[in-house]
N, C-alpha and C. Protein backbone atom coordinates (compact mmCIF):
# COMPACT_ATOMS: atom_id res chain seq x y z
N UNK A 1 15.78 -7.22 -6.29
CA UNK A 1 15.94 -7.41 -4.90
C UNK A 1 15.17 -8.68 -4.48
N UNK A 2 15.76 -9.38 -3.51
CA UNK A 2 15.13 -10.67 -3.07
C UNK A 2 14.63 -10.43 -1.68
N UNK A 3 13.36 -10.97 -1.39
CA UNK A 3 12.83 -10.86 -0.06
C UNK A 3 12.52 -12.35 0.38
N UNK A 4 12.96 -12.62 1.58
CA UNK A 4 12.71 -13.96 2.13
C UNK A 4 11.50 -13.90 3.08
N UNK A 5 10.53 -14.71 2.88
CA UNK A 5 9.33 -14.66 3.66
C UNK A 5 9.14 -16.02 4.38
N UNK A 6 8.76 -15.91 5.64
CA UNK A 6 8.51 -17.17 6.37
C UNK A 6 6.99 -17.28 6.68
N UNK A 7 6.49 -18.41 6.24
CA UNK A 7 4.98 -18.68 6.47
C UNK A 7 4.81 -19.07 7.97
N UNK A 8 4.19 -18.33 8.72
CA UNK A 8 4.05 -18.55 10.09
C UNK A 8 3.19 -19.86 10.39
N UNK A 9 2.42 -20.27 9.47
CA UNK A 9 1.54 -21.35 9.69
C UNK A 9 2.35 -22.68 9.36
N UNK A 10 3.10 -22.70 8.28
CA UNK A 10 3.87 -23.93 7.93
C UNK A 10 5.27 -23.89 8.17
N UNK A 11 5.82 -22.78 8.70
CA UNK A 11 7.30 -22.60 8.97
C UNK A 11 8.02 -22.72 7.69
N UNK A 12 7.39 -22.57 6.49
CA UNK A 12 8.11 -22.62 5.26
C UNK A 12 8.66 -21.28 4.86
N UNK A 13 9.91 -21.25 4.39
CA UNK A 13 10.59 -19.96 3.92
C UNK A 13 10.58 -20.00 2.45
N UNK A 14 10.07 -18.86 1.88
CA UNK A 14 10.11 -18.68 0.45
C UNK A 14 10.83 -17.43 0.09
N UNK A 15 11.37 -17.44 -1.13
CA UNK A 15 11.98 -16.25 -1.63
C UNK A 15 11.27 -15.70 -2.80
N UNK A 16 11.12 -14.33 -2.75
CA UNK A 16 10.48 -13.63 -3.85
C UNK A 16 11.38 -12.50 -4.45
N UNK A 17 11.15 -12.26 -5.71
CA UNK A 17 11.93 -11.20 -6.44
C UNK A 17 11.04 -10.00 -6.33
N UNK A 18 11.56 -8.92 -5.96
CA UNK A 18 10.84 -7.66 -5.84
C UNK A 18 11.36 -6.70 -7.01
N UNK A 19 10.36 -6.05 -7.64
CA UNK A 19 10.77 -5.05 -8.65
C UNK A 19 10.01 -3.83 -8.21
N UNK A 20 10.73 -2.74 -7.68
CA UNK A 20 10.08 -1.55 -7.30
C UNK A 20 9.03 -1.93 -6.16
N UNK A 21 7.81 -1.32 -6.27
CA UNK A 21 6.78 -1.61 -5.33
C UNK A 21 6.10 -3.00 -5.54
N UNK A 22 6.43 -3.58 -6.63
CA UNK A 22 5.76 -4.77 -7.05
C UNK A 22 6.66 -5.99 -6.68
N UNK A 23 5.93 -7.21 -6.51
CA UNK A 23 6.76 -8.39 -6.25
C UNK A 23 5.95 -9.60 -6.77
N UNK A 24 6.67 -10.72 -6.94
CA UNK A 24 6.07 -11.95 -7.33
C UNK A 24 5.87 -12.85 -6.09
N UNK A 25 4.64 -13.30 -5.88
CA UNK A 25 4.48 -14.15 -4.75
C UNK A 25 2.98 -13.96 -4.26
N UNK A 26 2.59 -14.83 -3.34
CA UNK A 26 1.20 -14.89 -2.88
C UNK A 26 1.07 -14.16 -1.50
N UNK A 27 2.01 -13.28 -1.22
CA UNK A 27 1.96 -12.59 0.04
C UNK A 27 1.60 -11.07 -0.17
N UNK A 28 0.87 -10.59 0.84
CA UNK A 28 0.57 -9.10 0.79
C UNK A 28 1.75 -8.27 1.11
N UNK A 29 2.03 -7.24 0.22
CA UNK A 29 3.15 -6.35 0.50
C UNK A 29 2.99 -5.59 1.79
N UNK A 30 1.78 -5.31 2.14
CA UNK A 30 1.48 -4.52 3.44
C UNK A 30 1.95 -5.39 4.63
N UNK A 31 1.63 -6.74 4.65
CA UNK A 31 1.98 -7.56 5.72
C UNK A 31 3.51 -7.81 5.68
N UNK A 32 4.09 -7.76 4.46
CA UNK A 32 5.51 -7.95 4.45
C UNK A 32 6.21 -6.76 5.12
N UNK A 33 5.70 -5.56 4.85
CA UNK A 33 6.36 -4.30 5.44
C UNK A 33 6.11 -4.38 7.04
N UNK A 34 4.98 -4.87 7.37
CA UNK A 34 4.68 -4.97 8.86
C UNK A 34 5.51 -6.11 9.56
N UNK A 35 6.10 -6.95 8.72
CA UNK A 35 6.93 -8.06 9.31
C UNK A 35 6.11 -9.25 9.85
N UNK A 36 4.88 -9.38 9.40
CA UNK A 36 4.10 -10.49 9.80
C UNK A 36 3.39 -10.99 8.60
N UNK A 37 4.20 -11.76 7.78
CA UNK A 37 3.57 -12.21 6.54
C UNK A 37 2.58 -13.35 6.73
N UNK A 38 1.41 -13.23 6.03
CA UNK A 38 0.39 -14.15 6.09
C UNK A 38 -0.17 -14.37 4.71
N UNK A 39 -0.63 -15.54 4.47
CA UNK A 39 -1.17 -15.83 3.08
C UNK A 39 -2.50 -14.98 2.87
N UNK A 40 -2.63 -14.49 1.65
CA UNK A 40 -3.83 -13.66 1.41
C UNK A 40 -4.91 -14.52 0.77
């Protein structure tokens, strides 16, 4: 599954591959679920 994440600070959109509850990327899964992605 692919997740698209937008960095609110840089307006940059990145795509991450998700496998079950895990994902590859530098974003917190909790903030992804809340819909407000921020760099951890």
